[in-house]
Amino acid sequence: MANHENLRLFTSESVTEGHPDKLADQISDAVLDEILAEDPEGRVACETLITTGL
């Protein structure tokens, strides 16, 4: 069986400046940063939805 000690998984999604999802991405990034600050090996799936007029 292969040694997976040094295996890293990296995923990324980004939008261009001014895109409506930019704020949602910043919120999701902040949530992830807080999780990793508490637990460097923590895992999270974070979806942020924003809208206007509620």
Protein backbone atom coordinates (compact mmCIF):
# COMPACT_ATOMS: atom_id res chain seq x y z
CA MET A 1 0.00 0.00 0.00
CA ALA A 2 1.29 3.49 -0.84
CA ASN A 3 2.56 5.83 1.87
CA HIS A 4 0.13 8.76 2.09
CA GLU A 5 1.87 10.71 4.88
CA ASN A 6 2.93 13.52 2.53
CA LEU A 7 -0.20 13.47 0.38
CA ARG A 8 -1.80 16.91 0.10
CA LEU A 9 -5.12 17.80 -1.48
CA PHE A 10 -5.49 21.36 -2.76
CA THR A 11 -8.67 22.77 -4.23
CA SER A 12 -9.43 26.33 -5.18
CA GLU A 13 -12.20 28.39 -6.69
CA SER A 14 -11.95 32.10 -7.34
CA VAL A 15 -13.78 34.91 -9.09
CA THR A 16 -12.54 38.11 -10.68
CA GLU A 17 -12.62 41.47 -8.90
CA GLY A 18 -16.10 42.97 -8.84
CA HIS A 19 -17.89 39.64 -9.29
CA PRO A 20 -21.01 39.30 -7.07
CA ASP A 21 -19.61 36.14 -5.45
CA LYS A 22 -16.53 38.00 -4.17
CA LEU A 23 -18.16 38.83 -0.80
CA ALA A 24 -19.38 35.25 -0.38
CA ASP A 25 -15.86 33.97 -1.08
CA GLN A 26 -14.40 36.34 1.53
CA ILE A 27 -16.90 35.09 4.14
CA SER A 28 -16.14 31.45 3.33
CA ASP A 29 -12.39 32.15 3.50
CA ALA A 30 -12.80 33.79 6.92
CA VAL A 31 -14.74 30.78 8.23
CA LEU A 32 -12.05 28.42 6.94
CA ASP A 33 -9.28 30.56 8.48
CA GLU A 34 -10.98 30.39 11.90
CA ILE A 35 -11.43 26.61 11.67
CA LEU A 36 -7.76 26.11 10.77
CA ALA A 37 -6.66 28.50 13.54
CA GLU A 38 -8.43 26.28 16.09
CA ASP A 39 -7.48 22.95 14.46
CA PRO A 40 -4.69 22.95 11.86
CA GLU A 41 -5.87 19.54 10.64
CA GLY A 42 -9.54 20.56 10.56
CA ARG A 43 -11.67 19.96 7.49
CA VAL A 44 -14.62 22.03 6.38
CA ALA A 45 -17.01 22.33 3.48
CA CYS A 46 -18.32 25.89 3.51
CA GLU A 47 -20.95 27.33 1.19
CA THR A 48 -21.95 30.98 1.61
CA LEU A 49 -25.06 32.37 -0.06
CA ILE A 50 -25.76 36.10 -0.15
CA THR A 51 -28.62 38.14 -1.56
CA THR A 52 -30.20 41.57 -1.37
CA GLY A 53 -33.70 42.68 -0.49
CA LEU A 54 -34.57 40.30 2.35
